[in-house]
N, C-alpha and C. Protein backbone atom coordinates (compact mmCIF):
# COMPACT_ATOMS: atom_id res chain seq x y z
N MET A 1 -22.35 13.30 -17.12
CA MET A 1 -21.75 12.94 -15.84
C MET A 1 -22.03 11.46 -15.57
N PHE A 2 -22.26 11.06 -14.32
CA PHE A 2 -22.51 9.67 -13.96
C PHE A 2 -23.99 9.44 -13.71
N LEU A 3 -24.40 8.20 -13.83
CA LEU A 3 -25.77 7.83 -13.56
C LEU A 3 -26.16 8.30 -12.16
N GLY A 4 -27.27 8.97 -12.02
CA GLY A 4 -27.72 9.47 -10.74
C GLY A 4 -27.38 10.93 -10.50
N TYR A 5 -26.57 11.53 -11.40
CA TYR A 5 -26.18 12.92 -11.24
C TYR A 5 -26.71 13.80 -12.38
N LEU A 6 -27.27 13.19 -13.37
CA LEU A 6 -27.80 13.94 -14.50
C LEU A 6 -28.90 14.87 -14.02
N ASP A 7 -28.79 16.12 -14.35
CA ASP A 7 -29.75 17.15 -13.96
C ASP A 7 -29.81 17.35 -12.44
N CYS A 8 -28.76 17.04 -11.74
CA CYS A 8 -28.66 17.25 -10.29
C CYS A 8 -27.37 18.02 -10.00
N PRO A 9 -27.33 19.32 -10.29
CA PRO A 9 -26.09 20.07 -10.14
C PRO A 9 -25.56 20.11 -8.70
N GLU A 10 -26.45 20.08 -7.70
CA GLU A 10 -25.98 20.12 -6.30
C GLU A 10 -25.22 18.84 -5.96
N GLU A 11 -25.75 17.69 -6.33
CA GLU A 11 -25.08 16.41 -6.07
C GLU A 11 -23.77 16.31 -6.86
N THR A 12 -23.80 16.77 -8.10
CA THR A 12 -22.59 16.75 -8.92
C THR A 12 -21.50 17.61 -8.29
N ALA A 13 -21.85 18.80 -7.82
CA ALA A 13 -20.88 19.72 -7.22
C ALA A 13 -20.23 19.13 -5.98
N LYS A 14 -20.95 18.31 -5.22
CA LYS A 14 -20.40 17.68 -4.01
C LYS A 14 -19.30 16.68 -4.34
N ARG A 15 -19.28 16.19 -5.57
CA ARG A 15 -18.34 15.13 -5.96
C ARG A 15 -17.00 15.67 -6.48
N PHE A 16 -16.87 17.01 -6.58
CA PHE A 16 -15.64 17.60 -7.07
C PHE A 16 -15.04 18.53 -6.02
N ASP A 17 -13.70 18.60 -6.02
CA ASP A 17 -13.05 19.53 -5.08
C ASP A 17 -13.01 20.92 -5.70
N SER A 18 -12.41 21.87 -4.99
CA SER A 18 -12.40 23.26 -5.45
C SER A 18 -11.57 23.46 -6.72
N ASP A 19 -10.66 22.52 -7.03
CA ASP A 19 -9.87 22.61 -8.25
C ASP A 19 -10.52 21.89 -9.44
N GLY A 20 -11.70 21.31 -9.21
CA GLY A 20 -12.40 20.63 -10.28
C GLY A 20 -12.04 19.16 -10.44
N PHE A 21 -11.27 18.61 -9.47
CA PHE A 21 -10.92 17.19 -9.54
C PHE A 21 -12.01 16.36 -8.89
N PHE A 22 -12.27 15.19 -9.45
CA PHE A 22 -13.26 14.27 -8.92
C PHE A 22 -12.76 13.65 -7.62
N LYS A 23 -13.58 13.66 -6.58
CA LYS A 23 -13.19 13.09 -5.28
C LYS A 23 -13.39 11.58 -5.30
N THR A 24 -12.29 10.84 -5.13
CA THR A 24 -12.38 9.37 -5.14
C THR A 24 -12.04 8.74 -3.80
N GLY A 25 -11.35 9.49 -2.93
CA GLY A 25 -10.90 8.92 -1.67
C GLY A 25 -9.55 8.23 -1.79
N ASP A 26 -8.92 8.30 -2.96
CA ASP A 26 -7.62 7.68 -3.16
C ASP A 26 -6.54 8.45 -2.41
N LEU A 27 -5.54 7.73 -1.92
CA LEU A 27 -4.37 8.35 -1.33
C LEU A 27 -3.43 8.68 -2.49
N ALA A 28 -2.92 9.90 -2.53
CA ALA A 28 -2.10 10.31 -3.66
C ALA A 28 -0.93 11.15 -3.21
N ILE A 29 0.07 11.21 -4.06
CA ILE A 29 1.21 12.09 -3.89
C ILE A 29 1.04 13.18 -4.93
N CYS A 30 1.32 14.42 -4.59
CA CYS A 30 1.24 15.49 -5.58
C CYS A 30 2.56 15.59 -6.31
N GLN A 31 2.49 15.55 -7.62
CA GLN A 31 3.67 15.67 -8.45
C GLN A 31 3.38 16.77 -9.45
N ASN A 32 4.18 17.81 -9.43
CA ASN A 32 3.94 18.98 -10.27
C ASN A 32 2.54 19.56 -10.03
N GLY A 33 2.11 19.53 -8.77
CA GLY A 33 0.83 20.12 -8.42
C GLY A 33 -0.38 19.25 -8.71
N ARG A 34 -0.18 18.06 -9.24
CA ARG A 34 -1.29 17.17 -9.58
C ARG A 34 -1.20 15.90 -8.74
N PRO A 35 -2.34 15.33 -8.35
CA PRO A 35 -2.29 14.07 -7.60
C PRO A 35 -1.71 12.95 -8.46
N PHE A 36 -0.88 12.12 -7.82
CA PHE A 36 -0.22 11.01 -8.53
C PHE A 36 -0.08 9.88 -7.53
N ASN A 37 -0.87 8.83 -7.66
CA ASN A 37 -0.83 7.76 -6.68
C ASN A 37 -0.21 6.47 -7.20
N ALA A 38 0.48 6.54 -8.33
CA ALA A 38 1.09 5.34 -8.89
C ALA A 38 2.39 4.96 -8.19
N VAL A 39 3.06 5.93 -7.56
CA VAL A 39 4.30 5.66 -6.84
C VAL A 39 4.27 6.34 -5.48
N PHE A 40 5.04 5.79 -4.56
CA PHE A 40 5.26 6.46 -3.29
C PHE A 40 6.71 6.23 -2.90
N LYS A 41 7.16 6.93 -1.87
CA LYS A 41 8.57 6.95 -1.53
C LYS A 41 8.87 6.12 -0.28
N PHE A 42 9.85 5.23 -0.39
CA PHE A 42 10.42 4.50 0.75
C PHE A 42 11.87 4.93 0.82
N TYR A 43 12.24 5.65 1.89
CA TYR A 43 13.53 6.34 1.97
C TYR A 43 13.64 7.23 0.73
N THR A 44 14.65 7.04 -0.11
CA THR A 44 14.79 7.88 -1.31
C THR A 44 14.31 7.17 -2.57
N TYR A 45 13.80 5.97 -2.41
CA TYR A 45 13.41 5.16 -3.55
C TYR A 45 11.94 5.35 -3.91
N LYS A 46 11.64 5.35 -5.19
CA LYS A 46 10.26 5.42 -5.64
C LYS A 46 9.73 4.00 -5.81
N VAL A 47 8.62 3.72 -5.15
CA VAL A 47 8.01 2.39 -5.19
C VAL A 47 6.78 2.44 -6.09
N PRO A 48 6.76 1.67 -7.18
CA PRO A 48 5.59 1.63 -8.05
C PRO A 48 4.52 0.71 -7.44
N ARG A 49 3.51 1.29 -6.84
CA ARG A 49 2.52 0.55 -6.07
C ARG A 49 1.86 -0.58 -6.89
N LEU A 50 1.40 -0.29 -8.08
CA LEU A 50 0.70 -1.30 -8.87
C LEU A 50 1.64 -2.43 -9.32
N HIS A 51 2.89 -2.12 -9.57
CA HIS A 51 3.86 -3.14 -9.95
C HIS A 51 4.05 -4.14 -8.80
N VAL A 52 4.23 -3.61 -7.59
CA VAL A 52 4.41 -4.47 -6.42
C VAL A 52 3.14 -5.28 -6.16
N GLU A 53 1.99 -4.61 -6.29
CA GLU A 53 0.71 -5.30 -6.05
C GLU A 53 0.49 -6.42 -7.06
N THR A 54 0.89 -6.22 -8.29
CA THR A 54 0.76 -7.26 -9.33
C THR A 54 1.58 -8.50 -8.95
N HIS A 55 2.80 -8.29 -8.47
CA HIS A 55 3.64 -9.42 -8.04
C HIS A 55 3.05 -10.09 -6.80
N LEU A 56 2.51 -9.31 -5.89
CA LEU A 56 1.87 -9.87 -4.69
C LEU A 56 0.71 -10.78 -5.09
N LEU A 57 -0.14 -10.29 -5.97
CA LEU A 57 -1.31 -11.07 -6.40
C LEU A 57 -0.94 -12.31 -7.20
N ALA A 58 0.26 -12.36 -7.75
CA ALA A 58 0.70 -13.53 -8.52
C ALA A 58 1.16 -14.67 -7.62
N LEU A 59 1.37 -14.40 -6.33
CA LEU A 59 1.77 -15.49 -5.43
C LEU A 59 0.62 -16.47 -5.28
N PRO A 60 0.90 -17.77 -5.37
CA PRO A 60 -0.17 -18.76 -5.39
C PRO A 60 -1.01 -18.84 -4.11
N TYR A 61 -0.48 -18.37 -3.00
CA TYR A 61 -1.20 -18.46 -1.73
C TYR A 61 -1.98 -17.19 -1.39
N VAL A 62 -1.91 -16.15 -2.24
CA VAL A 62 -2.62 -14.89 -2.00
C VAL A 62 -3.95 -14.91 -2.73
N ALA A 63 -5.04 -14.81 -1.98
CA ALA A 63 -6.38 -14.76 -2.57
C ALA A 63 -6.80 -13.33 -2.88
N GLU A 64 -6.38 -12.40 -2.05
CA GLU A 64 -6.73 -10.99 -2.18
C GLU A 64 -5.54 -10.20 -1.65
N GLY A 65 -5.11 -9.16 -2.35
CA GLY A 65 -3.94 -8.43 -1.89
C GLY A 65 -3.90 -6.99 -2.35
N TYR A 66 -3.36 -6.14 -1.50
CA TYR A 66 -3.25 -4.72 -1.77
C TYR A 66 -1.89 -4.24 -1.25
N ILE A 67 -1.28 -3.34 -1.99
CA ILE A 67 -0.08 -2.66 -1.51
C ILE A 67 -0.50 -1.24 -1.19
N MET A 68 -0.13 -0.81 0.03
CA MET A 68 -0.56 0.52 0.49
C MET A 68 0.62 1.29 1.08
N PRO A 69 0.66 2.59 0.83
CA PRO A 69 1.69 3.42 1.44
C PRO A 69 1.27 3.78 2.86
N VAL A 70 2.10 3.45 3.83
CA VAL A 70 1.80 3.75 5.24
C VAL A 70 2.89 4.69 5.75
N GLU A 71 2.49 5.85 6.21
CA GLU A 71 3.45 6.85 6.68
C GLU A 71 4.29 6.32 7.83
N ASP A 72 5.57 6.67 7.80
CA ASP A 72 6.51 6.31 8.85
C ASP A 72 7.59 7.38 8.91
N PRO A 73 7.76 8.04 10.05
CA PRO A 73 8.75 9.13 10.12
C PRO A 73 10.18 8.66 9.88
N GLN A 74 10.46 7.39 10.06
CA GLN A 74 11.80 6.86 9.87
C GLN A 74 12.19 6.77 8.39
N CYS A 75 11.24 6.47 7.53
CA CYS A 75 11.57 6.21 6.12
C CYS A 75 10.62 6.90 5.14
N ASP A 76 9.84 7.83 5.59
CA ASP A 76 8.84 8.55 4.81
C ASP A 76 7.57 7.71 4.66
N THR A 77 7.65 6.63 3.91
CA THR A 77 6.49 5.77 3.68
C THR A 77 6.93 4.32 3.62
N ARG A 78 6.21 3.45 4.30
CA ARG A 78 6.50 2.01 4.23
C ARG A 78 5.66 1.35 3.16
N VAL A 79 6.18 0.24 2.65
CA VAL A 79 5.45 -0.60 1.71
C VAL A 79 4.67 -1.59 2.56
N ALA A 80 3.36 -1.42 2.60
CA ALA A 80 2.52 -2.28 3.44
C ALA A 80 1.67 -3.20 2.57
N ALA A 81 1.64 -4.47 2.95
CA ALA A 81 0.83 -5.47 2.23
C ALA A 81 -0.38 -5.82 3.09
N LEU A 82 -1.55 -5.69 2.52
CA LEU A 82 -2.79 -6.10 3.15
C LEU A 82 -3.29 -7.29 2.34
N VAL A 83 -3.34 -8.48 2.96
CA VAL A 83 -3.63 -9.69 2.19
C VAL A 83 -4.65 -10.60 2.87
N ARG A 84 -5.27 -11.39 2.04
CA ARG A 84 -6.09 -12.51 2.49
C ARG A 84 -5.49 -13.73 1.80
N PHE A 85 -5.12 -14.71 2.60
CA PHE A 85 -4.51 -15.92 2.04
C PHE A 85 -5.58 -16.96 1.73
N HIS A 86 -5.26 -17.84 0.77
CA HIS A 86 -6.11 -19.00 0.53
C HIS A 86 -6.11 -19.85 1.79
N ASP A 87 -7.17 -20.58 2.02
CA ASP A 87 -7.32 -21.38 3.24
C ASP A 87 -6.15 -22.34 3.48
N GLU A 88 -5.59 -22.88 2.39
CA GLU A 88 -4.52 -23.88 2.56
C GLU A 88 -3.16 -23.25 2.89
N ALA A 89 -3.05 -21.94 2.80
CA ALA A 89 -1.79 -21.25 3.15
C ALA A 89 -1.69 -21.17 4.67
N LYS A 90 -0.75 -21.88 5.23
CA LYS A 90 -0.64 -21.95 6.69
C LYS A 90 0.43 -21.04 7.26
N GLU A 91 1.67 -21.33 6.99
CA GLU A 91 2.79 -20.66 7.65
C GLU A 91 3.34 -19.48 6.85
N VAL A 92 2.47 -18.63 6.35
CA VAL A 92 2.93 -17.47 5.59
C VAL A 92 3.02 -16.27 6.53
N ASN A 93 4.19 -15.63 6.53
CA ASN A 93 4.38 -14.43 7.34
C ASN A 93 5.11 -13.40 6.48
N LEU A 94 5.52 -12.28 7.09
CA LEU A 94 6.18 -11.21 6.35
C LEU A 94 7.49 -11.70 5.74
N TYR A 95 8.25 -12.50 6.48
CA TYR A 95 9.52 -13.03 5.97
C TYR A 95 9.27 -13.88 4.71
N THR A 96 8.28 -14.77 4.76
CA THR A 96 7.96 -15.63 3.62
C THR A 96 7.56 -14.80 2.41
N LEU A 97 6.71 -13.82 2.65
CA LEU A 97 6.24 -12.95 1.58
C LEU A 97 7.42 -12.23 0.91
N ARG A 98 8.30 -11.66 1.71
CA ARG A 98 9.47 -10.95 1.18
C ARG A 98 10.39 -11.90 0.40
N LYS A 99 10.61 -13.09 0.94
CA LYS A 99 11.48 -14.07 0.28
C LYS A 99 10.88 -14.46 -1.08
N ASP A 100 9.58 -14.69 -1.12
CA ASP A 100 8.93 -15.13 -2.36
C ASP A 100 8.85 -14.02 -3.41
N LEU A 101 8.89 -12.77 -2.99
CA LEU A 101 8.85 -11.64 -3.93
C LEU A 101 10.25 -11.17 -4.34
N ALA A 102 11.27 -11.56 -3.59
CA ALA A 102 12.62 -11.02 -3.76
C ALA A 102 13.26 -11.34 -5.11
N ASP A 103 12.90 -12.44 -5.74
CA ASP A 103 13.51 -12.78 -7.03
C ASP A 103 13.13 -11.80 -8.12
N ASP A 104 11.96 -11.21 -8.02
CA ASP A 104 11.44 -10.36 -9.09
C ASP A 104 11.51 -8.86 -8.82
N MET A 105 11.88 -8.49 -7.59
CA MET A 105 11.84 -7.08 -7.23
C MET A 105 13.04 -6.69 -6.38
N PRO A 106 13.46 -5.44 -6.47
CA PRO A 106 14.55 -4.98 -5.60
C PRO A 106 14.08 -4.88 -4.15
N ALA A 107 15.02 -4.88 -3.23
CA ALA A 107 14.71 -4.90 -1.80
C ALA A 107 13.84 -3.73 -1.36
N TYR A 108 14.04 -2.56 -1.94
CA TYR A 108 13.28 -1.40 -1.49
C TYR A 108 11.79 -1.46 -1.87
N GLN A 109 11.42 -2.36 -2.78
CA GLN A 109 10.01 -2.51 -3.17
C GLN A 109 9.29 -3.58 -2.36
N LEU A 110 10.01 -4.36 -1.59
CA LEU A 110 9.40 -5.45 -0.83
C LEU A 110 8.63 -4.90 0.36
N PRO A 111 7.50 -5.52 0.70
CA PRO A 111 6.73 -5.06 1.86
C PRO A 111 7.54 -5.11 3.16
N THR A 112 7.36 -4.10 3.97
CA THR A 112 7.98 -4.06 5.30
C THR A 112 6.93 -4.15 6.40
N VAL A 113 5.67 -4.21 5.99
CA VAL A 113 4.56 -4.36 6.91
C VAL A 113 3.58 -5.35 6.30
N LEU A 114 3.04 -6.23 7.14
CA LEU A 114 2.05 -7.20 6.68
C LEU A 114 0.86 -7.19 7.63
N ARG A 115 -0.32 -7.10 7.04
CA ARG A 115 -1.57 -7.22 7.80
C ARG A 115 -2.42 -8.22 7.07
N VAL A 116 -2.78 -9.32 7.74
CA VAL A 116 -3.59 -10.37 7.14
C VAL A 116 -5.06 -10.09 7.46
N LEU A 117 -5.88 -10.10 6.44
CA LEU A 117 -7.32 -9.90 6.62
C LEU A 117 -7.93 -11.12 7.30
N ARG A 118 -8.73 -10.88 8.31
CA ARG A 118 -9.41 -11.96 9.03
C ARG A 118 -10.75 -12.25 8.39
N ASP A 119 -11.34 -13.38 8.75
CA ASP A 119 -12.68 -13.71 8.26
C ASP A 119 -13.64 -12.59 8.63
N GLY A 120 -14.44 -12.17 7.69
CA GLY A 120 -15.43 -11.12 7.93
C GLY A 120 -14.91 -9.71 7.70
N GLU A 121 -13.59 -9.53 7.63
CA GLU A 121 -13.05 -8.18 7.37
C GLU A 121 -13.09 -7.91 5.87
N THR A 122 -13.53 -6.72 5.53
CA THR A 122 -13.55 -6.32 4.13
C THR A 122 -12.81 -4.99 3.97
N VAL A 123 -12.23 -4.83 2.81
CA VAL A 123 -11.50 -3.61 2.49
C VAL A 123 -12.52 -2.58 2.01
N PRO A 124 -12.48 -1.36 2.57
CA PRO A 124 -13.45 -0.34 2.16
C PRO A 124 -13.27 0.04 0.69
N ARG A 125 -14.39 0.31 0.05
CA ARG A 125 -14.41 0.66 -1.36
C ARG A 125 -15.06 2.03 -1.54
N THR A 126 -14.73 2.69 -2.62
CA THR A 126 -15.40 3.92 -2.98
C THR A 126 -16.69 3.55 -3.69
N TRP A 127 -17.52 4.53 -3.95
CA TRP A 127 -18.78 4.23 -4.63
C TRP A 127 -18.54 3.71 -6.04
N SER A 128 -17.33 3.97 -6.60
CA SER A 128 -16.98 3.46 -7.94
C SER A 128 -16.25 2.12 -7.85
N ASP A 129 -16.26 1.52 -6.64
CA ASP A 129 -15.69 0.19 -6.37
C ASP A 129 -14.17 0.13 -6.43
N LYS A 130 -13.52 1.27 -6.29
CA LYS A 130 -12.07 1.27 -6.15
C LYS A 130 -11.75 1.16 -4.67
N THR A 131 -10.54 0.72 -4.35
CA THR A 131 -10.11 0.64 -2.96
C THR A 131 -10.08 2.05 -2.36
N ALA A 132 -10.73 2.24 -1.22
CA ALA A 132 -10.68 3.52 -0.51
C ALA A 132 -9.38 3.51 0.29
N MET A 133 -8.31 3.92 -0.38
CA MET A 133 -6.96 3.75 0.13
C MET A 133 -6.75 4.40 1.50
N MET A 134 -7.08 5.67 1.64
CA MET A 134 -6.84 6.37 2.92
C MET A 134 -7.63 5.72 4.05
N LYS A 135 -8.86 5.37 3.79
CA LYS A 135 -9.70 4.73 4.79
C LYS A 135 -9.13 3.36 5.18
N ALA A 136 -8.68 2.59 4.19
CA ALA A 136 -8.11 1.26 4.45
C ALA A 136 -6.82 1.37 5.26
N VAL A 137 -5.99 2.36 4.95
CA VAL A 137 -4.74 2.54 5.70
C VAL A 137 -5.05 2.84 7.16
N ARG A 138 -5.98 3.76 7.39
CA ARG A 138 -6.35 4.08 8.78
C ARG A 138 -6.96 2.89 9.51
N MET A 139 -7.75 2.11 8.80
CA MET A 139 -8.46 0.98 9.40
C MET A 139 -7.54 -0.19 9.73
N PHE A 140 -6.63 -0.53 8.81
CA PHE A 140 -5.84 -1.74 8.96
C PHE A 140 -4.40 -1.52 9.43
N PHE A 141 -3.93 -0.28 9.37
CA PHE A 141 -2.56 0.02 9.79
C PHE A 141 -2.57 1.17 10.79
N PRO A 142 -3.17 0.95 11.97
CA PRO A 142 -3.26 2.04 12.95
C PRO A 142 -1.89 2.44 13.48
N GLN A 143 -1.79 3.70 13.89
CA GLN A 143 -0.55 4.21 14.45
C GLN A 143 -0.82 4.81 15.82
N ASP A 144 0.19 4.74 16.68
CA ASP A 144 0.05 5.32 18.02
C ASP A 144 0.34 6.82 17.95
N SER A 145 0.37 7.47 19.08
CA SER A 145 0.56 8.92 19.13
C SER A 145 1.94 9.36 18.64
N GLU A 146 2.89 8.43 18.58
CA GLU A 146 4.23 8.75 18.07
C GLU A 146 4.42 8.28 16.63
N GLU A 147 3.32 8.02 15.94
CA GLU A 147 3.29 7.60 14.54
C GLU A 147 3.97 6.25 14.29
N ARG A 148 3.98 5.38 15.31
CA ARG A 148 4.50 4.03 15.13
C ARG A 148 3.34 3.11 14.83
N LEU A 149 3.57 2.15 13.95
CA LEU A 149 2.54 1.18 13.63
C LEU A 149 2.23 0.34 14.87
N CYS A 150 0.97 0.09 15.10
CA CYS A 150 0.57 -0.71 16.25
C CYS A 150 -0.58 -1.63 15.84
N GLY A 151 -0.96 -2.49 16.73
CA GLY A 151 -2.03 -3.44 16.44
C GLY A 151 -1.48 -4.85 16.43
N GLU A 152 -2.16 -5.74 17.14
CA GLU A 152 -1.63 -7.09 17.27
C GLU A 152 -1.64 -7.88 15.97
N ALA A 153 -2.42 -7.47 15.00
CA ALA A 153 -2.51 -8.21 13.75
C ALA A 153 -1.52 -7.71 12.70
N THR A 154 -0.69 -6.73 13.05
CA THR A 154 0.24 -6.14 12.10
C THR A 154 1.66 -6.62 12.37
N GLU A 155 2.29 -7.18 11.35
CA GLU A 155 3.68 -7.62 11.45
C GLU A 155 4.56 -6.54 10.80
N VAL A 156 5.55 -6.04 11.53
CA VAL A 156 6.37 -4.93 11.08
C VAL A 156 7.84 -5.32 11.08
N LEU A 157 8.51 -5.07 9.96
CA LEU A 157 9.94 -5.37 9.82
C LEU A 157 10.75 -4.22 10.40
N ASP A 158 11.81 -4.54 11.14
CA ASP A 158 12.73 -3.54 11.65
C ASP A 158 13.56 -3.04 10.47
N ILE A 159 13.43 -1.79 10.12
CA ILE A 159 14.14 -1.25 8.96
C ILE A 159 15.31 -0.34 9.36
N SER A 160 15.67 -0.35 10.62
CA SER A 160 16.71 0.55 11.10
C SER A 160 18.05 0.35 10.39
N GLN A 161 18.32 -0.83 9.90
CA GLN A 161 19.59 -1.12 9.21
C GLN A 161 19.39 -1.31 7.70
N PHE A 162 18.26 -0.91 7.18
CA PHE A 162 17.94 -1.18 5.78
C PHE A 162 19.00 -0.67 4.81
N MET A 163 19.44 0.56 5.00
CA MET A 163 20.40 1.14 4.06
C MET A 163 21.79 0.50 4.16
N ARG A 164 22.04 -0.27 5.20
CA ARG A 164 23.33 -0.95 5.37
C ARG A 164 23.22 -2.46 5.11
N ALA A 165 22.07 -2.89 4.72
CA ALA A 165 21.81 -4.32 4.57
C ALA A 165 22.66 -4.94 3.46
N GLU A 166 23.04 -6.20 3.68
CA GLU A 166 23.72 -6.98 2.65
C GLU A 166 22.67 -7.37 1.61
N THR A 167 23.01 -7.26 0.36
CA THR A 167 22.09 -7.64 -0.70
C THR A 167 22.78 -8.64 -1.62
N THR A 168 21.99 -9.42 -2.29
CA THR A 168 22.54 -10.43 -3.19
C THR A 168 22.53 -9.95 -4.64
N LYS A 169 21.74 -8.94 -4.94
CA LYS A 169 21.65 -8.42 -6.30
C LYS A 169 22.13 -6.97 -6.31
N MET A 170 22.89 -6.62 -7.30
CA MET A 170 23.41 -5.26 -7.41
C MET A 170 22.28 -4.23 -7.43
N TRP A 171 21.17 -4.57 -8.06
CA TRP A 171 20.07 -3.62 -8.22
C TRP A 171 19.13 -3.57 -7.03
N ASP A 172 19.40 -4.34 -5.96
CA ASP A 172 18.53 -4.33 -4.78
C ASP A 172 18.32 -2.94 -4.19
N LEU A 173 19.36 -2.17 -4.17
CA LEU A 173 19.25 -0.80 -3.63
C LEU A 173 19.60 0.20 -4.73
N SER A 174 19.19 -0.11 -5.94
CA SER A 174 19.41 0.75 -7.12
C SER A 174 20.89 1.03 -7.34
N GLY A 175 21.75 0.11 -6.96
CA GLY A 175 23.18 0.27 -7.15
C GLY A 175 23.82 1.24 -6.17
N MET A 176 23.04 1.71 -5.18
CA MET A 176 23.58 2.69 -4.22
C MET A 176 24.31 1.96 -3.10
N ARG A 177 25.53 2.33 -2.88
CA ARG A 177 26.34 1.77 -1.78
C ARG A 177 27.25 2.84 -1.26
């Protein structure tokens, strides 16, 4: 097992769920009965979380970045970006982020929510140093009683016309029109 659990069956048992899966605190989607957190759904589109996060981290003004699925009754799940910018990045907002990512990704993969990490704020981690996804979503993307995103530090894109939006690339909406 892991260091600290050898010959400690009680502690080891606490770390697994009733199906024998290791508890990590990751947010996941069940696919064929198994947890699968590599993709999540925005409207009918599958968003590859790590692919989007890789492009986010490649932006020169992003010092730290995470893509997180945030529940929204309007579209199932929003693509939310949690970022810390380099000090010299001044006028970066959700529009800038989307524009800078748009050349490499279709519109449905672009973040629709932005939360900038403030000085002193840290993203929660699991004991294995992975992002504690569910905890981070609750902490940085709070929702009101009607499941709407709230919080003065959260920038939210109006997606009410998303499926009717004009696009410049045929593949922006997977060719669906």
